[in-house]
Amino acid sequence: MNFQNDPSSLDKTIQTAKLLKEAIESRTAVVGVIGMGYVGLPLAVTVARAGFCTIGFDTDEIKVRAVSTGKSYIEDLNSDDLDSLIATGALKATGDFGALAECNVILICVPTPLTTHREPDLSHVLAACQAVADNCADGVLVVLESTTYPETTAKVVGPQLQHSGRLLGRDIFLAYSPERADPGNTRFQCNAIPKIVAGDCKLSGDLVESFYGCAMARTVRVSSTKTAEAIKLTENIFRSVNIALVNELKPVFDAMNIDVWEVIDGAATKPFGYMPFYPGPGVGGHCIPVDPHYLLWKAREYDLAMRIIDVAGETNAAMPQRIVARLRELLDIRLGKALSQSRVLVAGVAYKKNIADIRCSPGIEILSLLEDAGAAVDYIDPHVPQLRSTHGHGRQVSRRSREASCTGDDFDAVVVATDHDAFDYRGLLGAGKVVVDTRNAFARRNLSAVHVVKV
């Protein structure tokens, strides 16, 4: 924003920013959080606990009703804690986006998935921005938290917010602060994770730093919104590439009769220069399978290839097929039985241990591949009692988790796809004639048997 020809406008803007900062620091600012999912709801609770009157917005009436009655649908968030905030009025939820007019700070925490062509899908971000532009008051701080490619905030969100005739840096202060949620991680709660912040101008940067400074243990301010966007992508691409590396190492070490998990644990004793990552059935959740494609897509704008990221994605995506192929071999060699004639139990369909999140889960992909091969398949997962959505190869899945006590060779094979702590691993040892362990779950618990194969 250029104020050189209008000093009075500059003075007014500075005064507006000053008043907003005072409202933030005094906790009299009202905060709106758009999106009540795995990122938005814990963030709304964190902000409300910090003393801000907080309004959660969502188009899903089921989520709005659950939050309004103090019922948490996210395992990391206790319903009692949520209910206490609702009871005191510190937090409320609504599907009426007209209430954005009450908010001084608006945080956008909506999904950023991929299209069928594996390109960025910003439709949820654009819809949220339109709701803000249609309803917000002047002098509001708008912060995008959704993971996205560099320059989204500046070149997509900014122009969308200005459709209403408002100007950035005067009527709307725009910033980016990437979410860093880790579902199931009890060590690092939302407010304990350092918060990357950046504004599209100095005033916006000052405001976003001040706001998160009131709710988070630490803020880290960077030079631009595109830098902040790149930081989030880099974090998840780092994980994707390193997981792919150990997934590639595993079959090589297997051929040499070397235990890859023992290798990794030994390497991890070095106090510098190494960070352990472990092989598995693939990657899941919203971040690792999706985020690298946002940067790959953006890199094409500059005619640049990112071969390491591409290969890492292919390696991780191929793991479920590799596991099913290995199971097919084991059934043939050990039981003389075809996969199409076998009963298989998939243990764990959540994408990681001790949570219910099934987004992009390799366990569900394995389940679908087994069904495609003609196997009779059941699953067990204490966190996911029922599957009722489209997964894998587009099939509509509708089934219930079996009872936790599967014993007595009920199945020809058991595939441990997720290493939930709640599993009865001794029971799983007896549930199948062949047990495929994709997570090193049995060895971690000092359990072993000749029919257990680490894949």
Protein backbone atom coordinates (compact mmCIF):
# COMPACT_ATOMS: atom_id res chain seq x y z
CA MET A 1 0.00 0.00 0.00
CA ASN A 2 1.46 3.38 -1.05
CA PHE A 3 0.44 6.25 1.20
CA GLN A 4 2.92 8.82 -0.14
CA ASN A 5 0.18 10.95 -1.71
CA ASP A 6 -2.24 10.58 1.19
CA PRO A 7 -0.60 11.19 4.58
CA SER A 8 -3.99 11.32 6.32
CA SER A 9 -4.77 7.82 5.10
CA LEU A 10 -1.44 6.62 6.46
CA ASP A 11 -2.16 8.20 9.84
CA LYS A 12 -5.59 6.57 9.91
CA THR A 13 -4.13 3.18 9.05
CA ILE A 14 -1.49 3.42 11.75
CA GLN A 15 -4.17 4.39 14.25
CA THR A 16 -6.36 1.46 13.15
CA ALA A 17 -3.47 -0.96 13.58
CA LYS A 18 -2.66 0.55 16.97
CA LEU A 19 -6.22 0.08 18.20
CA LEU A 20 -6.29 -3.51 16.96
CA LYS A 21 -2.98 -4.26 18.65
CA GLU A 22 -4.31 -2.82 21.90
CA ALA A 23 -7.42 -4.99 21.62
CA ILE A 24 -5.24 -8.04 21.02
CA GLU A 25 -2.91 -7.37 23.92
CA SER A 26 -5.82 -6.62 26.28
CA ARG A 27 -7.62 -9.79 25.09
CA THR A 28 -10.69 -7.78 24.14
CA ALA A 29 -10.33 -8.75 20.46
CA VAL A 30 -12.84 -11.32 19.22
CA VAL A 31 -11.23 -14.16 17.27
CA GLY A 32 -12.92 -16.15 14.51
CA VAL A 33 -11.55 -19.53 13.39
CA ILE A 34 -12.83 -20.80 10.04
CA GLY A 35 -12.67 -24.58 9.91
CA MET A 36 -13.27 -26.81 12.93
CA GLY A 37 -11.12 -29.77 11.92
CA TYR A 38 -7.88 -31.24 13.27
CA VAL A 39 -6.21 -27.83 13.03
CA GLY A 40 -8.99 -25.35 13.64
CA LEU A 41 -10.69 -26.79 16.72
CA PRO A 42 -7.52 -27.28 18.83
CA LEU A 43 -6.40 -23.79 17.75
CA ALA A 44 -9.76 -22.29 18.73
CA VAL A 45 -9.50 -23.95 22.14
CA THR A 46 -5.93 -22.68 22.58
CA VAL A 47 -6.96 -19.13 21.69
CA ALA A 48 -9.99 -19.26 23.98
CA ARG A 49 -7.82 -20.51 26.84
CA ALA A 50 -5.53 -17.54 26.24
CA GLY A 51 -8.42 -15.24 27.15
CA PHE A 52 -9.93 -14.36 23.77
CA CYS A 53 -13.62 -14.62 23.04
CA THR A 54 -13.51 -17.13 20.20
CA ILE A 55 -16.01 -18.13 17.51
CA GLY A 56 -15.55 -21.29 15.48
CA PHE A 57 -17.04 -21.37 11.98
CA ASP A 58 -17.81 -24.43 9.88
CA THR A 59 -20.16 -25.44 7.08
CA ASP A 60 -20.55 -28.89 8.67
CA GLU A 61 -23.61 -28.74 10.92
CA ILE A 62 -22.54 -31.92 12.74
CA LYS A 63 -19.27 -30.30 13.85
CA VAL A 64 -21.00 -27.08 14.84
CA ARG A 65 -23.52 -28.99 16.92
CA ALA A 66 -20.82 -31.12 18.57
CA VAL A 67 -18.70 -28.11 19.53
CA SER A 68 -21.74 -26.18 20.74
CA THR A 69 -22.61 -29.04 23.11
CA GLY A 70 -19.03 -29.46 24.31
CA LYS A 71 -18.43 -32.80 22.60
CA SER A 72 -14.99 -33.24 21.10
CA TYR A 73 -14.60 -35.37 17.97
CA ILE A 74 -10.81 -35.03 18.06
CA GLU A 75 -8.98 -37.49 20.29
CA ASP A 76 -6.30 -35.01 21.35
CA LEU A 77 -8.97 -32.72 22.76
CA ASN A 78 -10.83 -33.61 25.94
CA SER A 79 -14.59 -33.04 25.88
CA ASP A 80 -14.52 -31.73 29.47
CA ASP A 81 -12.04 -29.01 28.49
CA LEU A 82 -14.14 -28.08 25.49
CA ASP A 83 -17.35 -28.09 27.50
CA SER A 84 -15.91 -25.75 30.13
CA LEU A 85 -15.02 -23.18 27.47
CA ILE A 86 -18.49 -23.45 25.93
CA ALA A 87 -20.14 -23.12 29.34
CA THR A 88 -18.29 -19.89 30.16
CA GLY A 89 -18.93 -18.39 26.72
CA ALA A 90 -15.22 -18.24 25.89
CA LEU A 91 -15.88 -20.39 22.83
CA LYS A 92 -18.88 -20.90 20.60
CA ALA A 93 -19.48 -22.42 17.19
CA THR A 94 -21.72 -21.42 14.31
CA GLY A 95 -22.43 -22.02 10.68
CA ASP A 96 -23.55 -18.40 10.25
CA PHE A 97 -20.64 -16.64 8.57
CA GLY A 98 -22.38 -13.32 9.10
CA ALA A 99 -20.91 -13.49 12.61
CA LEU A 100 -17.49 -12.77 11.06
CA ALA A 101 -18.54 -9.13 11.35
CA GLU A 102 -17.99 -9.45 15.12
CA CYS A 103 -14.39 -10.63 14.73
CA ASN A 104 -11.22 -8.55 14.99
CA VAL A 105 -8.92 -11.47 14.12
CA ILE A 106 -9.87 -14.21 11.64
CA LEU A 107 -7.87 -17.42 11.27
CA ILE A 108 -8.44 -19.57 8.17
CA CYS A 109 -7.86 -23.27 8.89
CA VAL A 110 -9.50 -25.06 5.97
CA PRO A 111 -8.32 -28.10 3.97
CA THR A 112 -5.98 -27.73 0.99
CA PRO A 113 -6.30 -31.11 -0.78
CA LEU A 114 -5.24 -32.17 -4.26
CA THR A 115 -7.40 -32.36 -7.37
CA THR A 116 -7.79 -35.64 -9.25
CA HIS A 117 -4.81 -34.47 -11.34
CA ARG A 118 -2.71 -34.04 -8.16
CA GLU A 119 -2.69 -30.26 -8.41
CA PRO A 120 -3.46 -27.79 -5.59
CA ASP A 121 -7.14 -27.45 -4.74
CA LEU A 122 -7.67 -24.06 -3.11
CA SER A 123 -11.46 -24.09 -3.36
CA HIS A 124 -11.90 -24.21 0.43
CA VAL A 125 -9.45 -21.32 0.90
CA LEU A 126 -11.21 -19.25 -1.77
CA ALA A 127 -14.62 -19.93 -0.22
CA ALA A 128 -13.34 -18.90 3.22
CA CYS A 129 -11.81 -15.73 1.80
CA GLN A 130 -15.06 -14.86 0.06
CA ALA A 131 -16.96 -15.32 3.33
CA VAL A 132 -14.48 -13.00 5.04
CA ALA A 133 -14.67 -10.38 2.29
CA ASP A 134 -18.49 -10.46 2.36
CA ASN A 135 -18.86 -10.17 6.12
CA CYS A 136 -15.83 -8.78 7.96
CA ALA A 137 -15.55 -5.31 9.41
CA ASP A 138 -12.76 -2.91 8.50
CA GLY A 139 -9.54 -3.04 10.47
CA VAL A 140 -9.43 -6.83 10.80
CA LEU A 141 -6.39 -9.13 10.90
CA VAL A 142 -6.81 -12.14 8.58
CA VAL A 143 -4.36 -15.04 8.96
CA LEU A 144 -4.16 -18.03 6.63
CA GLU A 145 -3.00 -21.19 8.43
CA SER A 146 -3.70 -23.76 5.72
CA THR A 147 -0.68 -25.41 4.12
CA THR A 148 -0.11 -24.18 0.60
CA TYR A 149 2.47 -23.24 -2.02
CA PRO A 150 4.58 -20.04 -1.79
CA GLU A 151 2.81 -16.82 -2.87
CA THR A 152 -0.70 -18.13 -2.16
CA THR A 153 -1.26 -15.53 0.54
CA ALA A 154 -0.03 -12.68 -1.63
CA LYS A 155 -1.41 -13.71 -5.02
CA VAL A 156 -4.56 -15.69 -4.19
CA VAL A 157 -5.84 -14.74 -0.74
CA GLY A 158 -4.99 -11.04 -0.96
CA PRO A 159 -6.83 -10.37 -4.24
CA GLN A 160 -9.82 -12.42 -3.09
CA LEU A 161 -10.15 -10.36 0.08
CA GLN A 162 -10.03 -7.13 -1.91
CA HIS A 163 -13.03 -8.08 -4.07
CA SER A 164 -15.22 -6.22 -1.60
CA GLY A 165 -13.39 -2.96 -2.36
CA ARG A 166 -11.26 -3.05 0.78
CA LEU A 167 -7.51 -2.48 0.60
CA LEU A 168 -4.84 -4.65 2.16
CA GLY A 169 -2.68 -2.88 4.68
CA ARG A 170 -5.44 -0.38 5.36
CA ASP A 171 -8.82 -2.10 5.76
CA ILE A 172 -7.54 -5.66 6.07
CA PHE A 173 -4.22 -6.73 7.59
CA LEU A 174 -3.11 -9.98 5.98
CA ALA A 175 -0.70 -12.57 7.39
CA TYR A 176 0.34 -16.21 7.14
CA SER A 177 1.16 -18.60 9.97
CA PRO A 178 1.38 -22.28 9.02
CA GLU A 179 -0.30 -24.88 11.17
CA ARG A 180 2.06 -27.39 12.75
CA ALA A 181 -0.44 -29.82 14.22
CA ASP A 182 0.67 -33.38 14.94
CA PRO A 183 -2.40 -35.50 15.81
CA GLY A 184 -1.68 -37.97 18.58
CA ASN A 185 1.42 -36.15 19.83
CA THR A 186 0.83 -35.67 23.55
CA ARG A 187 4.27 -34.17 24.14
CA PHE A 188 3.70 -31.01 22.10
CA GLN A 189 0.33 -29.36 22.59
CA CYS A 190 -0.84 -26.66 20.21
CA ASN A 191 0.42 -23.72 22.28
CA ALA A 192 3.83 -25.33 22.90
CA ILE A 193 4.86 -25.53 19.23
CA PRO A 194 6.86 -22.47 18.04
CA LYS A 195 4.65 -20.40 15.72
CA ILE A 196 6.03 -19.17 12.40
CA VAL A 197 4.48 -15.79 11.55
CA ALA A 198 4.74 -13.33 8.66
CA GLY A 199 2.71 -10.37 7.45
CA ASP A 200 2.26 -8.96 3.97
CA CYS A 201 3.47 -5.61 5.33
CA LYS A 202 5.17 -4.41 8.51
CA LEU A 203 1.93 -3.48 10.26
CA SER A 204 0.41 -6.89 9.49
CA GLY A 205 3.60 -8.59 10.68
CA ASP A 206 3.52 -6.67 13.94
CA LEU A 207 -0.12 -7.58 14.50
CA VAL A 208 0.20 -11.30 13.76
CA GLU A 209 3.29 -11.51 15.96
CA SER A 210 1.45 -9.78 18.77
CA PHE A 211 -1.61 -12.00 18.43
CA TYR A 212 0.17 -15.35 18.48
CA GLY A 213 2.49 -14.06 21.17
CA CYS A 214 -0.57 -13.89 23.43
CA ALA A 215 -1.53 -17.53 22.83
CA MET A 216 1.68 -19.42 22.02
CA ALA A 217 4.82 -20.08 24.01
CA ARG A 218 7.04 -18.73 21.23
CA THR A 219 6.70 -16.94 17.90
CA VAL A 220 9.26 -16.92 15.09
CA ARG A 221 8.82 -14.03 12.69
CA VAL A 222 10.14 -14.42 9.14
CA SER A 223 10.59 -11.92 6.33
CA SER A 224 7.61 -12.69 4.09
CA THR A 225 4.46 -14.75 3.78
CA LYS A 226 5.99 -16.77 0.93
CA THR A 227 8.92 -17.66 3.19
CA ALA A 228 6.51 -18.86 5.88
CA GLU A 229 4.62 -20.90 3.29
CA ALA A 230 7.89 -22.46 2.09
CA ILE A 231 8.88 -23.34 5.67
CA LYS A 232 5.79 -25.52 6.16
CA LEU A 233 6.27 -27.32 2.86
CA THR A 234 9.96 -27.90 3.64
CA GLU A 235 9.13 -29.49 6.99
CA ASN A 236 6.86 -32.08 5.41
CA ILE A 237 8.97 -32.66 2.31
CA PHE A 238 11.91 -33.38 4.64
CA ARG A 239 9.85 -36.10 6.30
CA SER A 240 8.60 -37.51 3.00
CA VAL A 241 12.08 -37.81 1.51
CA ASN A 242 13.58 -39.39 4.63
CA ILE A 243 10.75 -41.89 5.02
CA ALA A 244 11.19 -42.84 1.36
CA LEU A 245 14.92 -43.29 1.98
CA VAL A 246 14.43 -45.86 4.75
CA ASN A 247 11.67 -47.55 2.76
CA GLU A 248 14.25 -48.00 -0.01
CA LEU A 249 16.95 -49.17 2.40
CA LYS A 250 14.77 -51.85 3.95
CA PRO A 251 14.58 -54.36 1.05
CA VAL A 252 18.30 -53.90 0.39
CA PHE A 253 19.20 -54.64 4.01
CA ASP A 254 16.67 -57.50 4.06
CA ALA A 255 18.53 -59.10 1.16
CA MET A 256 21.73 -58.85 3.23
CA ASN A 257 19.97 -60.31 6.30
CA ILE A 258 20.37 -56.99 8.15
CA ASP A 259 17.60 -55.64 10.38
CA VAL A 260 16.92 -52.08 9.16
CA TRP A 261 15.33 -51.09 12.50
CA GLU A 262 18.44 -52.13 14.37
CA VAL A 263 20.53 -50.13 11.89
CA ILE A 264 18.41 -47.02 12.39
CA ASP A 265 18.39 -47.32 16.18
CA GLY A 266 22.17 -47.73 16.15
CA ALA A 267 22.66 -44.72 13.87
CA ALA A 268 20.38 -42.68 16.13
CA THR A 269 22.86 -42.97 18.99
CA LYS A 270 25.06 -40.44 17.18
CA PRO A 271 24.33 -37.14 18.94
CA PHE A 272 24.70 -35.00 15.82
CA GLY A 273 24.18 -35.17 12.08
CA TYR A 274 21.48 -37.86 12.10
CA MET A 275 17.75 -38.02 12.74
CA PRO A 276 15.92 -41.37 12.80
CA PHE A 277 13.09 -42.13 10.40
CA TYR A 278 11.50 -45.56 10.16
CA PRO A 279 10.12 -47.64 7.30
CA GLY A 280 6.45 -48.49 7.15
CA PRO A 281 3.46 -49.27 4.93
CA GLY A 282 3.49 -45.82 3.32
CA VAL A 283 2.58 -42.33 4.45
CA GLY A 284 -0.81 -40.96 5.39
CA GLY A 285 -2.61 -37.99 6.86
CA HIS A 286 -3.20 -34.69 5.15
CA CYS A 287 0.40 -33.42 5.10
CA ILE A 288 3.08 -35.79 3.80
CA PRO A 289 1.13 -37.35 0.91
CA VAL A 290 -0.19 -33.94 -0.21
CA ASP A 291 2.20 -31.09 0.59
CA PRO A 292 5.10 -32.08 -1.70
CA HIS A 293 2.75 -31.84 -4.69
CA TYR A 294 2.07 -28.19 -3.84
CA LEU A 295 5.74 -27.35 -4.29
CA LEU A 296 6.12 -29.62 -7.33
CA TRP A 297 3.23 -27.77 -8.96
CA LYS A 298 4.68 -24.36 -8.12
CA ALA A 299 8.16 -25.37 -9.33
CA ARG A 300 6.75 -26.04 -12.81
CA GLU A 301 5.94 -22.33 -13.03
CA TYR A 302 9.71 -21.77 -13.02
CA ASP A 303 10.43 -24.70 -15.38
CA LEU A 304 12.22 -26.55 -12.58
CA ALA A 305 12.08 -30.26 -11.81
CA MET A 306 12.34 -31.67 -8.29
CA ARG A 307 13.35 -35.26 -8.95
CA ILE A 308 14.11 -36.22 -5.35
CA ILE A 309 10.67 -35.13 -4.17
CA ASP A 310 9.02 -36.90 -7.12
CA VAL A 311 10.85 -40.17 -6.49
CA ALA A 312 10.17 -39.99 -2.74
CA GLY A 313 6.46 -39.63 -3.41
CA GLU A 314 6.49 -42.58 -5.79
CA THR A 315 8.42 -44.73 -3.30
CA ASN A 316 6.07 -44.03 -0.41
CA ALA A 317 2.96 -44.45 -2.57
CA ALA A 318 4.18 -47.86 -3.74
CA MET A 319 4.58 -49.32 -0.25
CA PRO A 320 1.05 -50.78 0.11
CA GLN A 321 1.47 -52.62 -3.21
CA ARG A 322 4.89 -53.87 -2.08
CA ILE A 323 3.43 -55.20 1.18
CA VAL A 324 0.54 -56.99 -0.55
CA ALA A 325 2.95 -58.54 -3.07
CA ARG A 326 5.15 -59.80 -0.22
CA LEU A 327 2.11 -61.23 1.58
CA ARG A 328 1.11 -63.05 -1.58
CA GLU A 329 4.58 -64.67 -1.70
CA LEU A 330 4.46 -65.64 1.99
CA LEU A 331 1.04 -67.27 1.71
CA ASP A 332 2.19 -69.26 -1.29
CA ILE A 333 5.52 -70.35 0.24
CA ARG A 334 4.37 -71.04 3.80
CA LEU A 335 0.78 -72.16 3.38
CA GLY A 336 0.62 -73.17 -0.28
CA LYS A 337 -2.39 -70.93 -0.54
CA ALA A 338 -3.35 -68.20 -2.99
CA LEU A 339 -4.14 -64.75 -1.68
CA SER A 340 -7.52 -64.94 -3.41
CA GLN A 341 -8.38 -67.95 -1.23
CA SER A 342 -7.12 -66.49 2.05
CA ARG A 343 -8.66 -64.72 5.02
CA VAL A 344 -6.67 -61.65 6.04
CA LEU A 345 -6.96 -59.33 9.04
CA VAL A 346 -5.66 -55.77 8.66
CA ALA A 347 -4.67 -54.45 12.09
CA GLY A 348 -4.95 -50.67 12.05
CA VAL A 349 -6.60 -48.46 9.43
CA ALA A 350 -5.75 -45.05 10.94
CA TYR A 351 -2.75 -43.49 9.23
CA LYS A 352 -0.71 -43.39 12.48
CA LYS A 353 -0.82 -44.90 15.94
CA ASN A 354 -3.29 -43.96 18.68
CA ILE A 355 -5.53 -41.67 16.60
CA ALA A 356 -8.69 -42.07 14.50
CA ASP A 357 -7.56 -40.09 11.44
CA ILE A 358 -7.90 -42.20 8.29
CA ARG A 359 -7.00 -39.57 5.69
CA CYS A 360 -4.77 -41.08 2.96
CA SER A 361 -4.20 -44.07 5.25
CA PRO A 362 -1.94 -46.80 3.85
CA GLY A 363 -3.85 -49.30 5.99
CA ILE A 364 -7.02 -48.60 4.03
CA GLU A 365 -5.09 -48.80 0.76
CA ILE A 366 -3.78 -52.22 1.83
CA LEU A 367 -7.32 -53.30 2.73
CA SER A 368 -8.58 -52.24 -0.71
CA LEU A 369 -5.70 -53.96 -2.54
CA LEU A 370 -6.38 -57.19 -0.65
CA GLU A 371 -10.04 -57.05 -1.60
CA ASP A 372 -9.10 -56.38 -5.22
CA ALA A 373 -6.97 -59.53 -5.08
CA GLY A 374 -10.00 -61.56 -3.97
CA ALA A 375 -9.05 -62.08 -0.33
CA ALA A 376 -11.66 -62.17 2.42
CA VAL A 377 -10.67 -59.16 4.52
CA ASP A 378 -11.57 -57.90 7.99
CA TYR A 379 -10.01 -55.08 9.95
CA ILE A 380 -9.44 -54.26 13.59
CA ASP A 381 -8.90 -50.75 14.95
CA PRO A 382 -9.98 -49.54 18.41
CA HIS A 383 -9.88 -45.93 17.22
CA VAL A 384 -11.88 -46.48 14.02
CA PRO A 385 -14.91 -48.60 14.94
CA GLN A 386 -16.56 -48.06 11.57
CA LEU A 387 -15.49 -47.20 8.03
CA ARG A 388 -18.08 -45.45 5.96
CA SER A 389 -16.52 -43.50 3.10
CA THR A 390 -14.75 -43.88 -0.24
CA HIS A 391 -11.14 -44.99 -0.04
CA GLY A 392 -8.45 -46.81 -1.94
CA HIS A 393 -9.56 -47.45 -5.50
CA GLY A 394 -12.79 -45.48 -5.22
CA ARG A 395 -14.78 -48.26 -3.55
CA GLN A 396 -17.39 -47.36 -0.99
CA VAL A 397 -16.22 -48.97 2.26
CA SER A 398 -18.82 -49.73 4.91
CA ARG A 399 -17.76 -52.13 7.64
CA ARG A 400 -17.15 -52.40 11.36
CA SER A 401 -13.97 -53.20 13.25
CA ARG A 402 -13.82 -56.74 14.60
CA GLU A 403 -13.64 -57.34 18.32
CA ALA A 404 -10.22 -56.78 19.86
CA SER A 405 -9.79 -60.46 20.80
CA CYS A 406 -8.91 -62.20 17.53
CA THR A 407 -7.11 -65.39 18.49
CA GLY A 408 -6.75 -69.03 17.61
CA ASP A 409 -5.65 -68.82 13.97
CA ASP A 410 -8.86 -67.08 12.91
CA PHE A 411 -7.06 -65.85 9.80
CA ASP A 412 -4.52 -67.10 7.31
CA ALA A 413 -2.64 -63.81 7.68
CA VAL A 414 -2.54 -60.69 9.81
CA VAL A 415 -1.09 -57.44 8.48
CA VAL A 416 -0.13 -54.91 11.16
CA ALA A 417 -0.51 -51.63 9.28
CA THR A 418 -0.76 -49.33 12.32
CA ASP A 419 0.92 -50.01 15.66
CA HIS A 420 -1.75 -48.81 18.08
CA ASP A 421 -0.75 -49.18 21.72
CA ALA A 422 -4.19 -50.57 22.53
CA PHE A 423 -3.73 -53.71 20.44
CA ASP A 424 -3.37 -57.08 22.14
CA TYR A 425 -0.16 -58.02 20.34
CA ARG A 426 0.03 -61.47 21.93
CA GLY A 427 -3.48 -62.08 20.67
CA LEU A 428 -2.50 -60.89 17.19
CA LEU A 429 0.40 -63.36 17.20
CA GLY A 430 -2.13 -66.17 17.48
CA ALA A 431 -4.68 -64.71 15.09
CA GLY A 432 -2.95 -65.73 11.86
CA LYS A 433 -0.66 -68.39 10.46
CA VAL A 434 1.39 -65.62 8.82
CA VAL A 435 1.84 -62.25 10.55
CA VAL A 436 3.20 -59.35 8.49
CA ASP A 437 4.58 -56.56 10.68
CA THR A 438 5.06 -53.30 8.76
CA ARG A 439 5.87 -51.26 11.88
CA ASN A 440 8.33 -53.44 13.84
CA ALA A 441 5.59 -53.54 16.47
CA PHE A 442 6.32 -56.97 17.87
CA ALA A 443 10.08 -56.54 18.24
CA ARG A 444 9.48 -53.20 19.99
CA ARG A 445 7.48 -55.13 22.56
CA ASN A 446 10.00 -57.96 22.85
CA LEU A 447 7.63 -60.37 21.15
CA SER A 448 8.78 -62.79 18.48
CA ALA A 449 7.57 -65.85 16.60
CA VAL A 450 8.74 -67.74 13.54
CA HIS A 451 5.59 -66.81 11.61
CA VAL A 452 6.15 -63.03 12.07
CA VAL A 453 7.75 -61.35 9.06
CA LYS A 454 8.86 -57.72 9.12
CA VAL A 455 7.96 -56.18 5.76
